[in-house]
């Protein structure tokens, strides 16, 4: 699965699980304002939050992708769990406003 554009029609989705695909573009998720949990592990994503997920997102799993740095996470005040294992991350920035973050996993990065 590469194209997830159909998901933009389901604006009330609260949880999306898309592991083990060939997804590189998450922009179809831009308008899903009710989204609370997102699993896009084991895909081909290069940038963390290279789309506009809802600010009330609570859990996100981006493990086993191609992400090199953590940026643009400051506005996710409700984020509680962020999994970034097995990527190419060598630098962490932009977590200072994630006050509710309880679980951050960065195993097997650079």
Foldseek 3Di string as FASTA:
>chain_A
DADPLVCLVVLADAEDAAEQDAYADPQSQQRNQNHAYYEHDHYAHADDCPYHHHLQHAYYEHAHYAYAEADDPQSNCNHAEYHHEHYAYDYYDRCVNNVNHNYYHHHHYD
